[in-house]
Amino acid sequence: MKTEQAKTRPAAEVRFGNIRAAIWKNVSEGGPWYNVTIERTYRDGEDLRSTQSFGRDDLLTLAKVADHAHSEIFSLQRADSAESTHG
């Protein structure tokens, strides 16, 4: 069974190399809010796979992806606020 996240596209993505953050928009009565999933892609023979496990050499890139995802969420929230005041 697929999850809701698998059926929809993320509101935004941040990628550096093989590490990617997907930013997911959620809506409730209190307004929109965002969650982030982070994954690392790698090759397994001919197959492209992903994992949520990170090695020592991934950690600085992971931090950079998380930092940029954090900034992107603030941008998305500003856009949500502007949309709600003008829409």
PDB file of N, CA and C in Angstrom:
ATOM      1  N   MET A   1       0.846  -1.172   0.000  1.00  0.00           N
ATOM      2  CA  MET A   1       0.000   0.000   0.000  1.00  0.00           C
ATOM      3  C   MET A   1       0.895   1.240   0.000  1.00  0.00           C
ATOM      4  N   LYS A   2       0.532   2.210  -0.813  1.00  0.00           N
ATOM      5  CA  LYS A   2       1.317   3.436  -0.889  1.00  0.00           C
ATOM      6  C   LYS A   2       0.836   4.434   0.150  1.00  0.00           C
ATOM      7  N   THR A   3       1.785   5.223   0.638  1.00  0.00           N
ATOM      8  CA  THR A   3       1.430   6.259   1.589  1.00  0.00           C
ATOM      9  C   THR A   3       0.977   7.499   0.844  1.00  0.00           C
ATOM     10  N   GLU A   4       0.407   8.449   1.563  1.00  0.00           N
ATOM     11  CA  GLU A   4       0.010   9.712   0.952  1.00  0.00           C
ATOM     12  C   GLU A   4       1.194  10.414   0.316  1.00  0.00           C
ATOM     13  N   GLN A   5       2.364  10.375   0.977  1.00  0.00           N
ATOM     14  CA  GLN A   5       3.537  11.031   0.425  1.00  0.00           C
ATOM     15  C   GLN A   5       3.949  10.391  -0.886  1.00  0.00           C
ATOM     16  N   ALA A   6       3.774   9.089  -1.027  1.00  0.00           N
ATOM     17  CA  ALA A   6       4.146   8.419  -2.263  1.00  0.00           C
ATOM     18  C   ALA A   6       3.207   8.811  -3.401  1.00  0.00           C
ATOM     19  N   LYS A   7       1.986   9.207  -3.092  1.00  0.00           N
ATOM     20  CA  LYS A   7       1.000   9.567  -4.113  1.00  0.00           C
ATOM     21  C   LYS A   7       1.130  11.013  -4.559  1.00  0.00           C
ATOM     22  N   THR A   8       1.717  11.853  -3.756  1.00  0.00           N
ATOM     23  CA  THR A   8       1.812  13.269  -4.079  1.00  0.00           C
ATOM     24  C   THR A   8       3.268  13.666  -4.281  1.00  0.00           C
ATOM     25  N   ARG A   9       3.444  14.823  -4.864  1.00  0.00           N
ATOM     26  CA  ARG A   9       4.788  15.346  -5.056  1.00  0.00           C
ATOM     27  C   ARG A   9       5.112  16.295  -3.907  1.00  0.00           C
ATOM     28  N   PRO A  10       6.379  16.378  -3.556  1.00  0.00           N
ATOM     29  CA  PRO A  10       6.758  17.309  -2.490  1.00  0.00           C
ATOM     30  C   PRO A  10       6.538  18.755  -2.919  1.00  0.00           C
ATOM     31  N   ALA A  11       6.346  19.624  -1.934  1.00  0.00           N
ATOM     32  CA  ALA A  11       6.185  21.059  -2.212  1.00  0.00           C
ATOM     33  C   ALA A  11       7.487  21.647  -2.743  1.00  0.00           C
ATOM     34  N   ALA A  12       8.613  21.079  -2.326  1.00  0.00           N
ATOM     35  CA  ALA A  12       9.933  21.533  -2.780  1.00  0.00           C
ATOM     36  C   ALA A  12      10.941  20.430  -2.514  1.00  0.00           C
ATOM     37  N   GLU A  13      12.081  20.532  -3.174  1.00  0.00           N
ATOM     38  CA  GLU A  13      13.180  19.601  -2.962  1.00  0.00           C
ATOM     39  C   GLU A  13      14.481  20.375  -2.866  1.00  0.00           C
ATOM     40  N   VAL A  14      15.392  19.854  -2.068  1.00  0.00           N
ATOM     41  CA  VAL A  14      16.745  20.388  -1.970  1.00  0.00           C
ATOM     42  C   VAL A  14      17.680  19.209  -2.194  1.00  0.00           C
ATOM     43  N   ARG A  15      18.644  19.385  -3.090  1.00  0.00           N
ATOM     44  CA  ARG A  15      19.558  18.278  -3.401  1.00  0.00           C
ATOM     45  C   ARG A  15      20.984  18.795  -3.536  1.00  0.00           C
ATOM     46  N   PHE A  16      21.880  18.116  -2.891  1.00  0.00           N
ATOM     47  CA  PHE A  16      23.313  18.325  -3.069  1.00  0.00           C
ATOM     48  C   PHE A  16      23.918  16.950  -3.289  1.00  0.00           C
ATOM     49  N   GLY A  17      24.460  16.734  -4.464  1.00  0.00           N
ATOM     50  CA  GLY A  17      25.032  15.430  -4.772  1.00  0.00           C
ATOM     51  C   GLY A  17      23.982  14.342  -4.672  1.00  0.00           C
ATOM     52  N   ASN A  18      24.290  13.318  -3.906  1.00  0.00           N
ATOM     53  CA  ASN A  18      23.373  12.187  -3.796  1.00  0.00           C
ATOM     54  C   ASN A  18      22.468  12.258  -2.556  1.00  0.00           C
ATOM     55  N   ILE A  19      22.423  13.419  -1.911  1.00  0.00           N
ATOM     56  CA  ILE A  19      21.556  13.584  -0.737  1.00  0.00           C
ATOM     57  C   ILE A  19      20.440  14.568  -1.079  1.00  0.00           C
ATOM     58  N   ARG A  20      19.215  14.153  -0.795  1.00  0.00           N
ATOM     59  CA  ARG A  20      18.030  14.908  -1.194  1.00  0.00           C
ATOM     60  C   ARG A  20      17.077  15.061  -0.021  1.00  0.00           C
ATOM     61  N   ALA A  21      16.549  16.265   0.133  1.00  0.00           N
ATOM     62  CA  ALA A  21      15.486  16.534   1.104  1.00  0.00           C
ATOM     63  C   ALA A  21      14.212  16.829   0.323  1.00  0.00           C
ATOM     64  N   ALA A  22      13.148  16.138   0.657  1.00  0.00           N
ATOM     65  CA  ALA A  22      11.832  16.420   0.096  1.00  0.00           C
ATOM     66  C   ALA A  22      11.028  17.134   1.180  1.00  0.00           C
ATOM     67  N   ILE A  23      10.438  18.268   0.813  1.00  0.00           N
ATOM     68  CA  ILE A  23       9.662  19.076   1.753  1.00  0.00           C
ATOM     69  C   ILE A  23       8.189  18.853   1.441  1.00  0.00           C
ATOM     70  N   TRP A  24       7.470  18.370   2.424  1.00  0.00           N
ATOM     71  CA  TRP A  24       6.061  17.984   2.253  1.00  0.00           C
ATOM     72  C   TRP A  24       5.148  18.992   2.936  1.00  0.00           C
ATOM     73  N   LYS A  25       4.160  19.474   2.213  1.00  0.00           N
ATOM     74  CA  LYS A  25       3.186  20.415   2.771  1.00  0.00           C
ATOM     75  C   LYS A  25       2.006  19.637   3.349  1.00  0.00           C
ATOM     76  N   ASN A  26       1.629  19.995   4.547  1.00  0.00           N
ATOM     77  CA  ASN A  26       0.457  19.424   5.224  1.00  0.00           C
ATOM     78  C   ASN A  26      -0.483  20.568   5.549  1.00  0.00           C
ATOM     79  N   VAL A  27      -1.766  20.312   5.500  1.00  0.00           N
ATOM     80  CA  VAL A  27      -2.744  21.359   5.771  1.00  0.00           C
ATOM     81  C   VAL A  27      -3.678  20.884   6.878  1.00  0.00           C
ATOM     82  N   SER A  28      -3.905  21.764   7.841  1.00  0.00           N
ATOM     83  CA  SER A  28      -4.836  21.467   8.923  1.00  0.00           C
ATOM     84  C   SER A  28      -5.696  22.708   9.156  1.00  0.00           C
ATOM     85  N   GLU A  29      -6.609  22.610  10.092  1.00  0.00           N
ATOM     86  CA  GLU A  29      -7.454  23.762  10.416  1.00  0.00           C
ATOM     87  C   GLU A  29      -6.616  24.948  10.881  1.00  0.00           C
ATOM     88  N   GLY A  30      -5.483  24.671  11.509  1.00  0.00           N
ATOM     89  CA  GLY A  30      -4.590  25.719  11.992  1.00  0.00           C
ATOM     90  C   GLY A  30      -3.725  26.336  10.906  1.00  0.00           C
ATOM     91  N   GLY A  31      -3.812  25.798   9.701  1.00  0.00           N
ATOM     92  CA  GLY A  31      -3.016  26.301   8.599  1.00  0.00           C
ATOM     93  C   GLY A  31      -2.002  25.274   8.125  1.00  0.00           C
ATOM     94  N   PRO A  32      -1.237  25.646   7.104  1.00  0.00           N
ATOM     95  CA  PRO A  32      -0.264  24.699   6.557  1.00  0.00           C
ATOM     96  C   PRO A  32       0.972  24.558   7.443  1.00  0.00           C
ATOM     97  N   TRP A  33       1.608  23.393   7.378  1.00  0.00           N
ATOM     98  CA  TRP A  33       2.876  23.141   8.051  1.00  0.00           C
ATOM     99  C   TRP A  33       3.652  22.157   7.200  1.00  0.00           C
ATOM    100  N   TYR A  34       4.925  22.039   7.458  1.00  0.00           N
ATOM    101  CA  TYR A  34       5.815  21.285   6.582  1.00  0.00           C
ATOM    102  C   TYR A  34       6.623  20.242   7.351  1.00  0.00           C
ATOM    103  N   ASN A  35       6.867  19.116   6.692  1.00  0.00           N
ATOM    104  CA  ASN A  35       7.753  18.064   7.170  1.00  0.00           C
ATOM    105  C   ASN A  35       8.817  17.812   6.113  1.00  0.00           C
ATOM    106  N   VAL A  36       9.915  17.228   6.525  1.00  0.00           N
ATOM    107  CA  VAL A  36      11.015  16.953   5.610  1.00  0.00           C
ATOM    108  C   VAL A  36      11.432  15.493   5.728  1.00  0.00           C
ATOM    109  N   THR A  37      11.640  14.854   4.596  1.00  0.00           N
ATOM    110  CA  THR A  37      12.267  13.545   4.553  1.00  0.00           C
ATOM    111  C   THR A  37      13.594  13.704   3.826  1.00  0.00           C
ATOM    112  N   ILE A  38      14.619  13.016   4.307  1.00  0.00           N
ATOM    113  CA  ILE A  38      15.944  13.120   3.705  1.00  0.00           C
ATOM    114  C   ILE A  38      16.417  11.715   3.356  1.00  0.00           C
ATOM    115  N   GLU A  39      16.986  11.589   2.153  1.00  0.00           N
ATOM    116  CA  GLU A  39      17.489  10.300   1.718  1.00  0.00           C
ATOM    117  C   GLU A  39      18.792  10.449   0.947  1.00  0.00           C
ATOM    118  N   ARG A  40      19.535   9.372   0.913  1.00  0.00           N
ATOM    119  CA  ARG A  40      20.772   9.291   0.139  1.00  0.00           C
ATOM    120  C   ARG A  40      20.569   8.232  -0.928  1.00  0.00           C
ATOM    121  N   THR A  41      20.860   8.563  -2.174  1.00  0.00           N
ATOM    122  CA  THR A  41      20.755   7.590  -3.252  1.00  0.00           C
ATOM    123  C   THR A  41      22.122   6.975  -3.519  1.00  0.00           C
ATOM    124  N   TYR A  42      22.097   5.740  -3.998  1.00  0.00           N
ATOM    125  CA  TYR A  42      23.329   5.032  -4.323  1.00  0.00           C
ATOM    126  C   TYR A  42      23.026   3.961  -5.364  1.00  0.00           C
ATOM    127  N   ARG A  43      24.059   3.518  -6.030  1.00  0.00           N
ATOM    128  CA  ARG A  43      23.938   2.453  -7.028  1.00  0.00           C
ATOM    129  C   ARG A  43      24.214   1.102  -6.388  1.00  0.00           C
ATOM    130  N   ASP A  44      23.372   0.154  -6.718  1.00  0.00           N
ATOM    131  CA  ASP A  44      23.562  -1.235  -6.328  1.00  0.00           C
ATOM    132  C   ASP A  44      23.571  -2.028  -7.628  1.00  0.00           C
ATOM    133  N   GLY A  45      24.760  -2.158  -8.204  1.00  0.00           N
ATOM    134  CA  GLY A  45      24.845  -2.750  -9.540  1.00  0.00           C
ATOM    135  C   GLY A  45      24.225  -1.799 -10.541  1.00  0.00           C
ATOM    136  N   GLU A  46      23.217  -2.249 -11.248  1.00  0.00           N
ATOM    137  CA  GLU A  46      22.501  -1.416 -12.226  1.00  0.00           C
ATOM    138  C   GLU A  46      21.344  -0.643 -11.600  1.00  0.00           C
ATOM    139  N   ASP A  47      20.972  -1.004 -10.376  1.00  0.00           N
ATOM    140  CA  ASP A  47      19.802  -0.415  -9.722  1.00  0.00           C
ATOM    141  C   ASP A  47      20.172   0.836  -8.941  1.00  0.00           C
ATOM    142  N   LEU A  48      19.284   1.817  -8.955  1.00  0.00           N
ATOM    143  CA  LEU A  48      19.408   3.004  -8.131  1.00  0.00           C
ATOM    144  C   LEU A  48      18.534   2.796  -6.899  1.00  0.00           C
ATOM    145  N   ARG A  49      19.121   2.912  -5.738  1.00  0.00           N
ATOM    146  CA  ARG A  49      18.401   2.686  -4.473  1.00  0.00           C
ATOM    147  C   ARG A  49      18.530   3.919  -3.588  1.00  0.00           C
ATOM    148  N   SER A  50      17.729   3.950  -2.531  1.00  0.00           N
ATOM    149  CA  SER A  50      17.835   5.050  -1.579  1.00  0.00           C
ATOM    150  C   SER A  50      17.810   4.496  -0.161  1.00  0.00           C
ATOM    151  N   THR A  51      18.377   5.288   0.745  1.00  0.00           N
ATOM    152  CA  THR A  51      18.444   4.893   2.154  1.00  0.00           C
ATOM    153  C   THR A  51      18.362   6.141   3.021  1.00  0.00           C
ATOM    154  N   GLN A  52      17.981   5.955   4.256  1.00  0.00           N
ATOM    155  CA  GLN A  52      17.998   7.033   5.235  1.00  0.00           C
ATOM    156  C   GLN A  52      19.186   6.876   6.163  1.00  0.00           C
ATOM    157  N   SER A  53      20.159   6.088   5.767  1.00  0.00           N
ATOM    158  CA  SER A  53      21.383   5.863   6.525  1.00  0.00           C
ATOM    159  C   SER A  53      22.509   6.688   5.899  1.00  0.00           C
ATOM    160  N   PHE A  54      23.300   7.339   6.748  1.00  0.00           N
ATOM    161  CA  PHE A  54      24.350   8.230   6.267  1.00  0.00           C
ATOM    162  C   PHE A  54      25.669   7.876   6.926  1.00  0.00           C
ATOM    163  N   GLY A  55      26.721   7.898   6.138  1.00  0.00           N
ATOM    164  CA  GLY A  55      28.044   7.623   6.657  1.00  0.00           C
ATOM    165  C   GLY A  55      28.758   8.897   7.063  1.00  0.00           C
ATOM    166  N   ARG A  56      29.918   8.740   7.638  1.00  0.00           N
ATOM    167  CA  ARG A  56      30.721   9.873   8.093  1.00  0.00           C
ATOM    168  C   ARG A  56      30.927  10.905   6.992  1.00  0.00           C
ATOM    169  N   ASP A  57      31.244  10.453   5.794  1.00  0.00           N
ATOM    170  CA  ASP A  57      31.534  11.380   4.703  1.00  0.00           C
ATOM    171  C   ASP A  57      30.287  12.068   4.148  1.00  0.00           C
ATOM    172  N   ASP A  58      29.101  11.618   4.546  1.00  0.00           N
ATOM    173  CA  ASP A  58      27.842  12.242   4.112  1.00  0.00           C
ATOM    174  C   ASP A  58      27.392  13.362   5.040  1.00  0.00           C
ATOM    175  N   LEU A  59      27.930  13.426   6.239  1.00  0.00           N
ATOM    176  CA  LEU A  59      27.338  14.269   7.279  1.00  0.00           C
ATOM    177  C   LEU A  59      27.403  15.763   6.980  1.00  0.00           C
ATOM    178  N   LEU A  60      28.475  16.264   6.406  1.00  0.00           N
ATOM    179  CA  LEU A  60      28.531  17.697   6.090  1.00  0.00           C
ATOM    180  C   LEU A  60      27.552  18.055   4.982  1.00  0.00           C
ATOM    181  N   THR A  61      27.429  17.177   3.989  1.00  0.00           N
ATOM    182  CA  THR A  61      26.444  17.410   2.929  1.00  0.00           C
ATOM    183  C   THR A  61      25.032  17.313   3.488  1.00  0.00           C
ATOM    184  N   LEU A  62      24.811  16.367   4.381  1.00  0.00           N
ATOM    185  CA  LEU A  62      23.510  16.233   5.041  1.00  0.00           C
ATOM    186  C   LEU A  62      23.156  17.516   5.788  1.00  0.00           C
ATOM    187  N   ALA A  63      24.121  18.073   6.502  1.00  0.00           N
ATOM    188  CA  ALA A  63      23.882  19.318   7.236  1.00  0.00           C
ATOM    189  C   ALA A  63      23.548  20.457   6.280  1.00  0.00           C
ATOM    190  N   LYS A  64      24.229  20.517   5.156  1.00  0.00           N
ATOM    191  CA  LYS A  64      23.966  21.568   4.167  1.00  0.00           C
ATOM    192  C   LYS A  64      22.565  21.410   3.573  1.00  0.00           C
ATOM    193  N   VAL A  65      22.183  20.197   3.252  1.00  0.00           N
ATOM    194  CA  VAL A  65      20.838  19.938   2.730  1.00  0.00           C
ATOM    195  C   VAL A  65      19.790  20.337   3.770  1.00  0.00           C
ATOM    196  N   ALA A  66      20.000  19.959   5.029  1.00  0.00           N
ATOM    197  CA  ALA A  66      19.048  20.309   6.091  1.00  0.00           C
ATOM    198  C   ALA A  66      18.949  21.827   6.258  1.00  0.00           C
ATOM    199  N   ASP A  67      20.075  22.514   6.202  1.00  0.00           N
ATOM    200  CA  ASP A  67      20.085  23.973   6.327  1.00  0.00           C
ATOM    201  C   ASP A  67      19.287  24.623   5.196  1.00  0.00           C
ATOM    202  N   HIS A  68      19.511  24.167   3.975  1.00  0.00           N
ATOM    203  CA  HIS A  68      18.786  24.740   2.838  1.00  0.00           C
ATOM    204  C   HIS A  68      17.300  24.376   2.879  1.00  0.00           C
ATOM    205  N   ALA A  69      16.970  23.187   3.351  1.00  0.00           N
ATOM    206  CA  ALA A  69      15.563  22.800   3.499  1.00  0.00           C
ATOM    207  C   ALA A  69      14.875  23.703   4.523  1.00  0.00           C
ATOM    208  N   HIS A  70      15.573  24.005   5.599  1.00  0.00           N
ATOM    209  CA  HIS A  70      15.052  24.906   6.635  1.00  0.00           C
ATOM    210  C   HIS A  70      14.730  26.275   6.023  1.00  0.00           C
ATOM    211  N   SER A  71      15.653  26.813   5.244  1.00  0.00           N
ATOM    212  CA  SER A  71      15.428  28.112   4.581  1.00  0.00           C
ATOM    213  C   SER A  71      14.282  28.031   3.585  1.00  0.00           C
ATOM    214  N   GLU A  72      14.189  26.933   2.858  1.00  0.00           N
ATOM    215  CA  GLU A  72      13.113  26.768   1.873  1.00  0.00           C
ATOM    216  C   GLU A  72      11.751  26.725   2.551  1.00  0.00           C
ATOM    217  N   ILE A  73      11.667  26.110   3.715  1.00  0.00           N
ATOM    218  CA  ILE A  73      10.393  26.078   4.448  1.00  0.00           C
ATOM    219  C   ILE A  73       9.971  27.490   4.838  1.00  0.00           C
ATOM    220  N   PHE A  74      10.910  28.328   5.272  1.00  0.00           N
ATOM    221  CA  PHE A  74      10.564  29.714   5.581  1.00  0.00           C
ATOM    222  C   PHE A  74      10.039  30.431   4.345  1.00  0.00           C
ATOM    223  N   SER A  75      10.630  30.183   3.185  1.00  0.00           N
ATOM    224  CA  SER A  75      10.145  30.787   1.935  1.00  0.00           C
ATOM    225  C   SER A  75       8.738  30.303   1.608  1.00  0.00           C
ATOM    226  N   LEU A  76       8.494  29.021   1.776  1.00  0.00           N
ATOM    227  CA  LEU A  76       7.167  28.474   1.517  1.00  0.00           C
ATOM    228  C   LEU A  76       6.131  29.061   2.480  1.00  0.00           C
ATOM    229  N   GLN A  77       6.513  29.235   3.742  1.00  0.00           N
ATOM    230  CA  GLN A  77       5.592  29.820   4.715  1.00  0.00           C
ATOM    231  C   GLN A  77       5.288  31.281   4.391  1.00  0.00           C
ATOM    232  N   ARG A  78       6.287  32.021   3.922  1.00  0.00           N
ATOM    233  CA  ARG A  78       6.037  33.403   3.495  1.00  0.00           C
ATOM    234  C   ARG A  78       5.051  33.433   2.336  1.00  0.00           C
ATOM    235  N   ALA A  79       5.232  32.523   1.381  1.00  0.00           N
ATOM    236  CA  ALA A  79       4.313  32.453   0.244  1.00  0.00           C
ATOM    237  C   ALA A  79       2.908  32.076   0.702  1.00  0.00           C
ATOM    238  N   ASP A  80       2.806  31.155   1.659  1.00  0.00           N
ATOM    239  CA  ASP A  80       1.494  30.786   2.205  1.00  0.00           C
ATOM    240  C   ASP A  80       0.824  31.984   2.857  1.00  0.00           C
ATOM    241  N   SER A  81       1.592  32.763   3.613  1.00  0.00           N
ATOM    242  CA  SER A  81       1.045  33.948   4.298  1.00  0.00           C
ATOM    243  C   SER A  81       0.586  34.987   3.293  1.00  0.00           C
ATOM    244  N   ALA A  82       1.381  35.219   2.263  1.00  0.00           N
ATOM    245  CA  ALA A  82       1.007  36.189   1.236  1.00  0.00           C
ATOM    246  C   ALA A  82      -0.239  35.732   0.496  1.00  0.00           C
ATOM    247  N   GLU A  83      -0.333  34.444   0.234  1.00  0.00           N
ATOM    248  CA  GLU A  83      -1.491  33.893  -0.466  1.00  0.00           C
ATOM    249  C   GLU A  83      -2.747  34.025   0.373  1.00  0.00           C
ATOM    250  N   SER A  84      -2.645  33.803   1.688  1.00  0.00           N
ATOM    251  CA  SER A  84      -3.828  33.869   2.536  1.00  0.00           C
ATOM    252  C   SER A  84      -4.294  35.312   2.742  1.00  0.00           C
ATOM    253  N   THR A  85      -3.392  36.283   2.661  1.00  0.00           N
ATOM    254  CA  THR A  85      -3.806  37.672   2.828  1.00  0.00           C
ATOM    255  C   THR A  85      -4.295  38.288   1.529  1.00  0.00           C
ATOM    256  N   HIS A  86      -3.926  37.701   0.387  1.00  0.00           N
ATOM    257  CA  HIS A  86      -4.342  38.231  -0.918  1.00  0.00           C
ATOM    258  C   HIS A  86      -5.355  37.338  -1.610  1.00  0.00           C
ATOM    259  N   GLY A  87      -5.661  36.203  -1.032  1.00  0.00           N
ATOM    260  CA  GLY A  87      -6.527  35.246  -1.721  1.00  0.00           C
ATOM    261  C   GLY A  87      -7.789  35.043  -1.098  1.00  0.00           C
TER     262      GLY A  87
END
